Amino acid sequence: MADPVAGAKTAAKNAPPRGYYVPNFGMDQDIVDAQSNIKLLEKAHGAWSPVRDGAGGFVMPALAPGSSQSHNGHHFLQLDADIKTQDDPVCNSWKCSQYQYPHEDEEYKKDYKVADFGVDSDIVGTFNSMKDAGRMLNHKWIMGTKESKA
């Protein structure tokens, strides 16, 4: 049976340090910004006083029929109809007219030589790691064969 006093002494000796100095750098800038934004919005739209619903959520204002998910001009839910899919500055919702593939009749240099610098060093490193792991675990990797698909 283990000695409970000795166990407590060991736990106290291994406990993390306590009572050390922690510098105070002030309030985090994100919090400062969020509080400033809340003040601005409450000034413009009135105070926001959320009420808990008892289930961890918040009670939302009742919406009038046909209100399109808004209450006093405030939208609570973005509907698919609200998403502007054709406002993309580069492309519209179904094509990019300014970046089309070249037409076959356009003349540009084709079938040019590309320098061969061999296998990329990251790939070589990965293969070497796989070989080392296989040796350490006494396991042979079998890929792309009948055995690997069994």
Protein backbone atom coordinates (compact mmCIF):
# COMPACT_ATOMS: atom_id res chain seq x y z
CA MET A 1 0.00 0.00 0.00
CA ALA A 2 1.41 3.37 -1.00
CA ASP A 3 2.18 5.97 1.68
CA PRO A 4 -0.37 8.85 1.21
CA VAL A 5 1.92 11.37 2.96
CA ALA A 6 4.85 10.56 0.69
CA GLY A 7 2.54 10.81 -2.35
CA ALA A 8 1.34 14.26 -1.26
CA LYS A 9 4.94 15.46 -0.74
CA THR A 10 5.89 14.25 -4.24
CA ALA A 11 2.83 15.92 -5.77
CA ALA A 12 3.66 19.21 -3.98
CA LYS A 13 7.27 19.02 -5.13
CA ASN A 14 6.18 18.44 -8.76
CA ALA A 15 3.43 21.09 -8.71
CA PRO A 16 3.75 24.01 -11.13
CA PRO A 17 5.17 27.24 -9.69
CA ARG A 18 2.68 29.63 -8.10
CA GLY A 19 2.72 33.24 -6.97
CA TYR A 20 5.08 34.47 -9.69
CA TYR A 21 4.87 37.95 -11.23
CA VAL A 22 2.72 38.37 -14.34
CA PRO A 23 3.10 41.69 -16.17
CA ASN A 24 -0.05 43.67 -16.90
CA PHE A 25 0.01 44.94 -20.48
CA GLY A 26 -3.47 46.40 -20.18
CA MET A 27 -6.60 45.30 -21.95
CA ASP A 28 -6.17 43.36 -25.20
CA GLN A 29 -6.60 45.61 -28.24
CA ASP A 30 -9.28 43.31 -29.73
CA ILE A 31 -11.36 43.76 -26.57
CA VAL A 32 -10.85 47.53 -26.64
CA ASP A 33 -11.95 47.60 -30.30
CA ALA A 34 -15.00 45.38 -29.65
CA GLN A 35 -16.14 47.56 -26.74
CA SER A 36 -15.67 50.69 -28.83
CA ASN A 37 -17.71 49.19 -31.67
CA ILE A 38 -20.49 48.17 -29.28
CA LYS A 39 -20.69 51.75 -27.96
CA LEU A 40 -20.88 53.15 -31.51
CA LEU A 41 -23.60 50.70 -32.57
CA GLU A 42 -25.65 51.17 -29.40
CA LYS A 43 -25.45 54.92 -29.91
CA ALA A 44 -26.78 54.50 -33.45
CA HIS A 45 -29.34 51.71 -32.84
CA GLY A 46 -30.10 51.77 -29.12
CA ALA A 47 -28.86 49.62 -26.26
CA TRP A 48 -28.64 45.89 -26.83
CA SER A 49 -29.84 43.82 -23.88
CA PRO A 50 -29.84 40.13 -24.81
CA VAL A 51 -32.04 37.86 -22.69
CA ARG A 52 -31.12 34.21 -22.09
CA ASP A 53 -33.72 31.62 -23.07
CA GLY A 54 -32.75 29.14 -20.34
CA ALA A 55 -31.29 26.64 -22.82
CA GLY A 56 -27.98 28.45 -23.39
CA GLY A 57 -29.24 30.60 -26.26
CA PHE A 58 -30.86 33.99 -26.46
CA VAL A 59 -34.46 35.09 -26.95
CA MET A 60 -34.77 36.73 -30.36
CA PRO A 61 -37.34 39.42 -31.12
CA ALA A 62 -40.52 38.13 -32.76
CA LEU A 63 -40.60 38.84 -36.47
CA ALA A 64 -43.62 40.17 -38.25
CA PRO A 65 -45.03 37.90 -41.01
CA GLY A 66 -43.33 38.66 -44.30
CA SER A 67 -40.54 40.58 -42.57
CA SER A 68 -37.75 38.81 -44.47
CA GLN A 69 -35.92 37.90 -41.26
CA SER A 70 -35.51 41.46 -40.03
CA HIS A 71 -36.69 43.35 -36.99
CA ASN A 72 -36.70 47.15 -37.03
CA GLY A 73 -34.33 47.03 -39.99
CA HIS A 74 -31.83 44.71 -38.28
CA HIS A 75 -31.14 41.45 -40.13
CA PHE A 76 -30.54 38.33 -38.06
CA LEU A 77 -30.10 35.72 -40.76
CA GLN A 78 -28.40 35.91 -44.12
CA LEU A 79 -30.57 34.21 -46.68
CA ASP A 80 -29.30 32.75 -49.95
CA ALA A 81 -31.21 35.52 -51.70
CA ASP A 82 -29.04 38.07 -49.86
CA ILE A 83 -25.79 36.64 -51.22
CA LYS A 84 -24.57 38.66 -54.21
CA THR A 85 -22.95 35.96 -56.33
CA GLN A 86 -22.41 38.19 -59.36
CA ASP A 87 -20.48 40.90 -57.50
CA ASP A 88 -17.16 39.09 -57.64
CA PRO A 89 -14.67 41.63 -59.02
CA VAL A 90 -12.77 38.98 -60.97
CA CYS A 91 -15.50 36.61 -62.20
CA ASN A 92 -19.26 36.43 -62.27
CA SER A 93 -21.11 33.40 -60.92
CA TRP A 94 -20.49 31.13 -63.90
CA LYS A 95 -17.38 32.21 -65.81
CA CYS A 96 -14.32 34.37 -65.86
CA SER A 97 -14.47 36.14 -69.20
CA GLN A 98 -11.12 37.90 -68.83
CA TYR A 99 -9.13 34.71 -68.10
CA GLN A 100 -10.30 32.29 -70.75
CA TYR A 101 -7.98 29.58 -71.99
CA PRO A 102 -6.18 30.56 -75.19
CA HIS A 103 -7.90 29.58 -78.40
CA GLU A 104 -6.24 26.99 -80.60
CA ASP A 105 -5.57 29.51 -83.34
CA GLU A 106 -3.55 31.82 -81.06
CA GLU A 107 0.18 31.70 -81.67
CA TYR A 108 2.45 31.26 -78.70
CA LYS A 109 5.54 29.19 -78.07
CA LYS A 110 4.57 25.54 -77.57
CA ASP A 111 6.44 22.33 -76.83
CA TYR A 112 9.44 24.13 -75.39
CA LYS A 113 12.16 22.40 -73.35
CA VAL A 114 11.83 22.46 -69.58
CA ALA A 115 14.91 22.04 -67.41
CA ASP A 116 15.03 18.76 -65.50
CA PHE A 117 16.45 19.32 -62.03
CA GLY A 118 15.61 15.81 -60.84
CA VAL A 119 13.28 14.79 -58.04
CA ASP A 120 12.36 17.56 -55.63
CA SER A 121 14.33 17.45 -52.35
CA ASP A 122 11.11 17.25 -50.29
CA ILE A 123 10.07 14.13 -52.19
CA VAL A 124 13.51 12.58 -51.71
CA GLY A 125 13.29 13.36 -47.98
CA THR A 126 9.84 11.79 -47.74
CA PHE A 127 11.00 8.61 -49.46
CA ASN A 128 14.04 8.42 -47.16
CA SER A 129 11.79 8.85 -44.11
CA MET A 130 9.55 6.05 -45.37
CA LYS A 131 12.58 3.75 -45.81
CA ASP A 132 13.84 4.60 -42.29
CA ALA A 133 10.41 4.00 -40.75
CA GLY A 134 10.12 0.69 -42.58
CA ARG A 135 13.51 -0.43 -41.26
CA MET A 136 12.69 0.67 -37.68
CA LEU A 137 9.32 -1.09 -37.69
CA ASN A 138 10.47 -4.06 -39.76
CA HIS A 139 7.73 -3.27 -42.27
CA LYS A 140 7.92 -3.11 -46.04
CA TRP A 141 5.71 -0.56 -47.79
CA ILE A 142 3.87 -2.13 -50.72
CA MET A 143 1.98 0.35 -52.87
CA GLY A 144 0.33 0.12 -56.26
CA THR A 145 0.52 -3.68 -56.39
CA LYS A 146 -1.94 -6.56 -55.93
CA GLU A 147 -0.71 -6.97 -52.33
CA SER A 148 -1.54 -3.36 -51.45
CA LYS A 149 -5.08 -3.69 -52.78
CA ALA A 150 -5.86 -6.91 -50.91
